[in-house]
């Protein structure tokens, strides 16, 4: 990809990413706040859905890094806080459920 195309792609990602990250986090919180099913099959499906949501949020954070989204230093405190919050929630998830960075695909 040429530098112009890469810059254009990063610009497009930067435009949709804040809303996508907010929606993914809100959706995950709403879904994971539901009662956990007690039926074995439904329980497994519920947890698999949570893992997919976490992977989606993780991917959005990676895109934010790749797109070099504006940071707090650039005067974009809300966006920087949102990415930092998502990273913190992912770290909490991995700590709570026994997954660490080494068990997942390398980020970069």
N, C-alpha and C. Protein backbone atom coordinates (compact mmCIF):
# COMPACT_ATOMS: atom_id res chain seq x y z
N UNK A 1 0.85 -1.17 0.00
CA UNK A 1 0.00 0.00 0.00
C UNK A 1 0.90 1.24 0.00
N UNK A 2 0.58 2.20 -0.86
CA UNK A 2 1.38 3.41 -0.92
C UNK A 2 1.15 4.25 0.33
N UNK A 3 2.04 5.20 0.55
CA UNK A 3 1.91 6.07 1.72
C UNK A 3 0.61 6.85 1.71
N UNK A 4 0.19 7.33 0.50
CA UNK A 4 -1.07 8.06 0.41
C UNK A 4 -2.25 7.18 0.77
N UNK A 5 -2.23 5.94 0.26
CA UNK A 5 -3.32 5.01 0.56
C UNK A 5 -3.33 4.65 2.04
N UNK A 6 -2.15 4.47 2.61
CA UNK A 6 -2.07 4.15 4.03
C UNK A 6 -2.61 5.31 4.86
N UNK A 7 -2.22 6.52 4.49
CA UNK A 7 -2.72 7.70 5.21
C UNK A 7 -4.22 7.84 5.09
N UNK A 8 -4.76 7.58 3.89
CA UNK A 8 -6.21 7.64 3.70
C UNK A 8 -6.91 6.58 4.54
N UNK A 9 -6.36 5.37 4.54
CA UNK A 9 -6.96 4.28 5.33
C UNK A 9 -6.93 4.62 6.81
N UNK A 10 -5.83 5.16 7.28
CA UNK A 10 -5.75 5.54 8.69
C UNK A 10 -6.76 6.63 9.02
N UNK A 11 -6.93 7.56 8.11
CA UNK A 11 -7.91 8.62 8.32
C UNK A 11 -9.33 8.08 8.42
N UNK A 12 -9.66 7.14 7.53
CA UNK A 12 -11.00 6.55 7.57
C UNK A 12 -11.21 5.75 8.85
N UNK A 13 -10.19 5.00 9.25
CA UNK A 13 -10.29 4.22 10.49
C UNK A 13 -10.46 5.17 11.67
N UNK A 14 -9.71 6.25 11.69
CA UNK A 14 -9.78 7.21 12.80
C UNK A 14 -11.17 7.83 12.91
N UNK A 15 -11.88 7.96 11.79
CA UNK A 15 -13.22 8.56 11.82
C UNK A 15 -14.26 7.62 12.43
N UNK A 16 -14.21 6.35 12.09
CA UNK A 16 -15.25 5.44 12.59
C UNK A 16 -14.88 4.78 13.91
N UNK A 17 -13.61 4.72 14.24
CA UNK A 17 -13.16 3.94 15.38
C UNK A 17 -13.70 4.39 16.73
N UNK A 18 -13.73 5.67 17.06
CA UNK A 18 -14.24 6.04 18.38
C UNK A 18 -15.66 5.54 18.64
N UNK A 19 -16.54 5.71 17.65
CA UNK A 19 -17.92 5.25 17.81
C UNK A 19 -17.97 3.72 17.87
N UNK A 20 -17.19 3.06 17.03
CA UNK A 20 -17.17 1.59 17.03
C UNK A 20 -16.68 1.05 18.36
N UNK A 21 -15.66 1.66 18.93
CA UNK A 21 -15.14 1.21 20.22
C UNK A 21 -16.15 1.44 21.33
N UNK A 22 -16.80 2.59 21.32
CA UNK A 22 -17.81 2.87 22.35
C UNK A 22 -18.97 1.89 22.25
N UNK A 23 -19.43 1.62 21.03
CA UNK A 23 -20.55 0.68 20.85
C UNK A 23 -20.15 -0.73 21.26
N UNK A 24 -18.94 -1.14 20.92
CA UNK A 24 -18.49 -2.49 21.28
C UNK A 24 -18.41 -2.65 22.80
N UNK A 25 -17.87 -1.64 23.48
CA UNK A 25 -17.78 -1.71 24.94
C UNK A 25 -19.16 -1.72 25.59
N UNK A 26 -20.04 -0.83 25.12
CA UNK A 26 -21.39 -0.78 25.68
C UNK A 26 -22.15 -2.08 25.44
N UNK A 27 -22.01 -2.62 24.25
CA UNK A 27 -22.68 -3.88 23.91
C UNK A 27 -22.15 -5.02 24.77
N UNK A 28 -20.83 -5.07 24.94
CA UNK A 28 -20.24 -6.12 25.77
C UNK A 28 -20.73 -6.02 27.21
N UNK A 29 -20.76 -4.81 27.75
CA UNK A 29 -21.22 -4.63 29.13
C UNK A 29 -22.68 -5.04 29.28
N UNK A 30 -23.51 -4.67 28.32
CA UNK A 30 -24.93 -5.05 28.40
C UNK A 30 -25.09 -6.56 28.31
N UNK A 31 -24.40 -7.18 27.39
CA UNK A 31 -24.52 -8.63 27.20
C UNK A 31 -23.95 -9.40 28.38
N UNK A 32 -22.76 -9.00 28.83
CA UNK A 32 -22.12 -9.75 29.92
C UNK A 32 -22.80 -9.50 31.26
N UNK A 33 -23.65 -8.48 31.33
CA UNK A 33 -24.39 -8.20 32.55
C UNK A 33 -25.65 -9.02 32.69
N UNK A 34 -26.00 -9.74 31.63
CA UNK A 34 -27.19 -10.59 31.68
C UNK A 34 -26.91 -11.80 32.57
N UNK A 35 -27.99 -12.45 32.97
CA UNK A 35 -27.83 -13.66 33.78
C UNK A 35 -27.12 -14.73 32.96
N UNK A 36 -26.16 -15.38 33.59
CA UNK A 36 -25.42 -16.45 32.93
C UNK A 36 -26.32 -17.68 32.87
N UNK A 37 -26.49 -18.24 31.67
CA UNK A 37 -27.35 -19.42 31.55
C UNK A 37 -26.81 -20.60 32.37
N UNK A 38 -27.71 -21.42 32.86
CA UNK A 38 -27.28 -22.59 33.63
C UNK A 38 -27.26 -23.86 32.77
N UNK A 39 -27.98 -23.84 31.67
CA UNK A 39 -27.94 -24.96 30.73
C UNK A 39 -26.53 -25.04 30.14
N UNK A 40 -25.96 -26.23 30.07
CA UNK A 40 -24.57 -26.39 29.65
C UNK A 40 -24.32 -25.81 28.26
N UNK A 41 -25.17 -26.12 27.31
CA UNK A 41 -24.98 -25.63 25.94
C UNK A 41 -25.11 -24.10 25.89
N UNK A 42 -26.11 -23.57 26.53
CA UNK A 42 -26.31 -22.11 26.54
C UNK A 42 -25.18 -21.41 27.28
N UNK A 43 -24.68 -22.04 28.35
CA UNK A 43 -23.56 -21.49 29.11
C UNK A 43 -22.33 -21.37 28.22
N UNK A 44 -22.04 -22.43 27.47
CA UNK A 44 -20.89 -22.42 26.56
C UNK A 44 -21.05 -21.36 25.49
N UNK A 45 -22.24 -21.27 24.90
CA UNK A 45 -22.49 -20.27 23.86
C UNK A 45 -22.36 -18.85 24.41
N UNK A 46 -22.84 -18.65 25.63
CA UNK A 46 -22.74 -17.33 26.28
C UNK A 46 -21.27 -16.93 26.44
N UNK A 47 -20.47 -17.85 26.96
CA UNK A 47 -19.05 -17.53 27.17
C UNK A 47 -18.29 -17.39 25.86
N UNK A 48 -18.64 -18.17 24.87
CA UNK A 48 -18.02 -18.00 23.55
C UNK A 48 -18.36 -16.63 22.97
N UNK A 49 -19.60 -16.20 23.14
CA UNK A 49 -20.00 -14.88 22.66
C UNK A 49 -19.22 -13.77 23.38
N UNK A 50 -19.01 -13.94 24.68
CA UNK A 50 -18.22 -12.95 25.43
C UNK A 50 -16.78 -12.91 24.91
N UNK A 51 -16.21 -14.07 24.62
CA UNK A 51 -14.84 -14.12 24.10
C UNK A 51 -14.74 -13.44 22.73
N UNK A 52 -15.74 -13.64 21.90
CA UNK A 52 -15.76 -12.99 20.59
C UNK A 52 -15.82 -11.47 20.77
N UNK A 53 -16.64 -11.01 21.69
CA UNK A 53 -16.74 -9.57 21.95
C UNK A 53 -15.41 -9.01 22.43
N UNK A 54 -14.74 -9.73 23.32
CA UNK A 54 -13.43 -9.30 23.81
C UNK A 54 -12.43 -9.24 22.66
N UNK A 55 -12.44 -10.24 21.79
CA UNK A 55 -11.53 -10.23 20.64
C UNK A 55 -11.83 -9.04 19.73
N UNK A 56 -13.10 -8.70 19.57
CA UNK A 56 -13.49 -7.56 18.75
C UNK A 56 -12.94 -6.26 19.35
N UNK A 57 -13.09 -6.10 20.65
CA UNK A 57 -12.58 -4.90 21.32
C UNK A 57 -11.06 -4.84 21.20
N UNK A 58 -10.41 -5.99 21.36
CA UNK A 58 -8.95 -6.06 21.22
C UNK A 58 -8.53 -5.61 19.82
N UNK A 59 -9.24 -6.06 18.81
CA UNK A 59 -8.93 -5.67 17.44
C UNK A 59 -9.12 -4.17 17.23
N UNK A 60 -10.17 -3.61 17.80
CA UNK A 60 -10.40 -2.17 17.68
C UNK A 60 -9.27 -1.37 18.33
N UNK A 61 -8.76 -1.86 19.45
CA UNK A 61 -7.63 -1.19 20.11
C UNK A 61 -6.39 -1.26 19.21
N UNK A 62 -6.16 -2.42 18.60
CA UNK A 62 -5.02 -2.56 17.68
C UNK A 62 -5.17 -1.60 16.51
N UNK A 63 -6.39 -1.46 15.99
CA UNK A 63 -6.63 -0.51 14.91
C UNK A 63 -6.36 0.92 15.37
N UNK A 64 -6.73 1.23 16.60
CA UNK A 64 -6.49 2.58 17.13
C UNK A 64 -4.99 2.87 17.17
N UNK A 65 -4.22 1.88 17.57
CA UNK A 65 -2.76 2.06 17.59
C UNK A 65 -2.22 2.23 16.18
N UNK A 66 -2.70 1.38 15.26
CA UNK A 66 -2.24 1.44 13.88
C UNK A 66 -2.60 2.78 13.24
N UNK A 67 -3.80 3.24 13.50
CA UNK A 67 -4.27 4.50 12.92
C UNK A 67 -3.63 5.70 13.58
N UNK A 68 -2.89 5.45 14.67
CA UNK A 68 -2.23 6.52 15.41
C UNK A 68 -3.24 7.62 15.74
N UNK A 69 -4.32 7.18 16.40
CA UNK A 69 -5.38 8.11 16.76
C UNK A 69 -4.85 9.24 17.62
N UNK A 70 -5.48 10.38 17.54
CA UNK A 70 -5.05 11.51 18.37
C UNK A 70 -5.04 11.13 19.85
N UNK A 71 -4.09 11.68 20.56
CA UNK A 71 -3.93 11.35 21.97
C UNK A 71 -4.26 12.54 22.85
N UNK A 72 -4.17 12.33 24.16
CA UNK A 72 -4.42 13.41 25.11
C UNK A 72 -3.45 14.56 24.87
N UNK A 73 -2.22 14.22 24.47
CA UNK A 73 -1.22 15.27 24.21
C UNK A 73 -1.64 16.16 23.04
N UNK A 74 -2.45 15.60 22.14
CA UNK A 74 -2.93 16.36 20.99
C UNK A 74 -4.22 17.12 21.28
N UNK A 75 -4.67 17.08 22.53
CA UNK A 75 -5.90 17.77 22.91
C UNK A 75 -7.16 16.95 22.71
N UNK A 76 -7.03 15.65 22.56
CA UNK A 76 -8.17 14.76 22.37
C UNK A 76 -8.32 13.86 23.60
N UNK A 77 -8.60 14.49 24.72
CA UNK A 77 -8.67 13.76 25.99
C UNK A 77 -9.74 12.67 25.99
N UNK A 78 -10.92 12.94 25.41
CA UNK A 78 -12.01 11.96 25.43
C UNK A 78 -11.63 10.69 24.68
N UNK A 79 -11.07 10.86 23.50
CA UNK A 79 -10.68 9.71 22.69
C UNK A 79 -9.56 8.93 23.35
N UNK A 80 -8.57 9.62 23.87
CA UNK A 80 -7.47 8.95 24.55
C UNK A 80 -7.98 8.20 25.77
N UNK A 81 -8.91 8.79 26.50
CA UNK A 81 -9.47 8.14 27.68
C UNK A 81 -10.26 6.90 27.29
N UNK A 82 -10.97 6.97 26.16
CA UNK A 82 -11.75 5.82 25.71
C UNK A 82 -10.84 4.64 25.37
N UNK A 83 -9.76 4.90 24.66
CA UNK A 83 -8.83 3.82 24.30
C UNK A 83 -8.16 3.28 25.55
N UNK A 84 -7.76 4.17 26.44
CA UNK A 84 -7.12 3.72 27.69
C UNK A 84 -8.10 2.89 28.52
N UNK A 85 -9.36 3.30 28.58
CA UNK A 85 -10.38 2.55 29.30
C UNK A 85 -10.56 1.16 28.70
N UNK A 86 -10.62 1.09 27.38
CA UNK A 86 -10.78 -0.21 26.71
C UNK A 86 -9.58 -1.11 27.00
N UNK A 87 -8.38 -0.55 26.96
CA UNK A 87 -7.18 -1.34 27.27
C UNK A 87 -7.23 -1.84 28.71
N UNK A 88 -7.67 -0.98 29.62
CA UNK A 88 -7.77 -1.36 31.03
C UNK A 88 -8.79 -2.48 31.22
N UNK A 89 -9.93 -2.36 30.55
CA UNK A 89 -10.95 -3.39 30.68
C UNK A 89 -10.48 -4.72 30.11
N UNK A 90 -9.73 -4.67 29.02
CA UNK A 90 -9.17 -5.91 28.46
C UNK A 90 -8.19 -6.54 29.43
N UNK A 91 -7.33 -5.73 30.03
CA UNK A 91 -6.37 -6.25 31.00
C UNK A 91 -7.10 -6.87 32.19
N UNK A 92 -8.16 -6.21 32.66
CA UNK A 92 -8.95 -6.76 33.77
C UNK A 92 -9.58 -8.10 33.38
N UNK A 93 -10.10 -8.17 32.16
CA UNK A 93 -10.71 -9.41 31.68
C UNK A 93 -9.68 -10.54 31.68
N UNK A 94 -8.50 -10.27 31.11
CA UNK A 94 -7.48 -11.31 31.02
C UNK A 94 -6.98 -11.72 32.40
N UNK A 95 -6.90 -10.77 33.31
CA UNK A 95 -6.48 -11.11 34.68
C UNK A 95 -7.56 -11.94 35.38
N UNK A 96 -8.79 -11.55 35.22
CA UNK A 96 -9.90 -12.23 35.89
C UNK A 96 -10.09 -13.65 35.40
N UNK A 97 -9.90 -13.86 34.09
CA UNK A 97 -10.16 -15.17 33.52
C UNK A 97 -8.89 -15.95 33.21
N UNK A 98 -7.78 -15.51 33.78
CA UNK A 98 -6.55 -16.30 33.71
C UNK A 98 -5.83 -16.28 32.38
N UNK A 99 -6.17 -15.36 31.53
CA UNK A 99 -5.46 -15.25 30.27
C UNK A 99 -4.47 -14.11 30.39
N UNK A 100 -3.27 -14.35 29.88
CA UNK A 100 -2.31 -13.27 29.88
C UNK A 100 -1.88 -12.99 28.44
N UNK A 101 -1.08 -11.99 28.27
CA UNK A 101 -0.68 -11.57 26.93
C UNK A 101 -0.01 -12.69 26.16
N UNK A 102 0.70 -13.57 26.84
CA UNK A 102 1.41 -14.65 26.17
C UNK A 102 0.50 -15.72 25.61
N UNK A 103 -0.73 -15.81 26.10
CA UNK A 103 -1.66 -16.81 25.62
C UNK A 103 -2.43 -16.35 24.40
N UNK A 104 -2.31 -15.07 24.06
CA UNK A 104 -3.02 -14.52 22.91
C UNK A 104 -2.03 -14.26 21.80
N UNK A 105 -2.58 -14.02 20.64
CA UNK A 105 -1.77 -13.68 19.48
C UNK A 105 -1.02 -12.38 19.77
N UNK A 106 0.22 -12.30 19.32
CA UNK A 106 1.00 -11.08 19.54
C UNK A 106 0.28 -9.89 18.96
N UNK A 107 0.35 -8.76 19.68
CA UNK A 107 -0.37 -7.56 19.28
C UNK A 107 0.29 -6.85 18.13
N UNK A 108 1.58 -6.84 18.10
CA UNK A 108 2.25 -6.02 17.08
C UNK A 108 3.28 -6.83 16.35
